[in-house]
Amino acid sequence: QGCTQKYIVKNYFYYYLFKFSAALGEEIFYITFLPFTYWNIDHSVSRRMIIVWSIVMYIGQVSKDILKWPRPLSPPVVKLEMRTNAEYGMPSTHAMAATAISFSFFIATTNQYKYPFELGLVAAFVFSTLVCLSRLYTGMHTVLDVIGGALISAVLLVLLYPAWDTIDHLLLTSPFCPLFSIVVPLVLCYNYPKLDYYSPTRGDTTTILGAAAGATVGFWLNNQYAAPAYTSKTFQPGFPLITSAMLFVLARFFVGISVVLLARWVMKSAVLGALGYRYQFPIRDLEARRRLEVEVPYKFVTYSSVGFTATVIVPLLHELLGLM
């Protein structure tokens, strides 16, 4: 499974298009786009996207390890990715995430911002389609895996939409929100379906639920203490509006993402160091880091810190720097 196949790229446009599209369903996209939405677009949109994303991804990951449908055989297909080769195939969580994020963003913004409905619908469809097609091009999923993932995500969106406002209100106002947001995801992570061999699905699920837990606690805390919202009133005079707006957007993003990545590195090192001392293993011991008692706490604490940093620490820093 760890061997890299030899292949010849005959169409570089498709190759780079679908390699890029595949990255839109991975951590690098989540850790940039979701915070970007919170810092530069709208808090309520970001909250709804994170709620839907975490629920959809948990159901998708668990479904993989319950159904245990294999990925496409290689040969005949050529696999351009190897990291996720140890996971089962059905449903495609890339397809689920792309469908959930693109259409939840479209639904959440269509009632708050004035833009052509058709344009938003087409953009959501193109985004999710590109990610779905990338899973076929890279040889990681069958057509059935992709269709199944997209349909499951669509059904979950339909079921969750009527409860969006209620869930959002409870997460912002309920005194039990912080406890609920931490305990429930941890219970789900520790009781993740067991497999006969190691699969990264449990670790990836813990990462997702941890990030959502930290962000949810941040949302609640911001609401309790009436944290200032981002506005467009801080544009510097003397520049055209679009130039000033873009400068603030870029400044918020680069400052924010730098702090988020720093927080991830610091917490990962600290938690792994503490767990290594507790269970007596070297930090670089990959097999030890895959054990349940190590993987779940280290990934959950690390990424809950990332979610909390993005929603609480970064906005405070933006305010301090005059970027609100």
Foldseek 3Di string as FASTA:
>chain_A
DPDADDDDDPDVVLVVLLVVLQCCLDDVVVLQVLLLCQAAPHVLLSLLLLVLLLVLLLVQLLVQVVVVAAADDPVVDHAPDDQQNQTHQAAPSSLLSLLSNLVSSLVVCPVPDDDDNVVSVVVSVVSSVSNLVSCVNNRGHDPCNNVRSNVSSVVSCVVCVVCSVVVLVCLQDPPCNLVCLPVVLLVCLLPRDDDPDFGCSSLVSLLSSLLSSLLSVLNNVCSVVVPDGADLVLFDPPDPSVVSSVVLSVVLSVLLSVQLVVLLVVLLVVLLVVVCVVVVDDSPPPVVCRDSVRSNVSSNRSNSSSNNCSRHVSSVVCVVVSSD
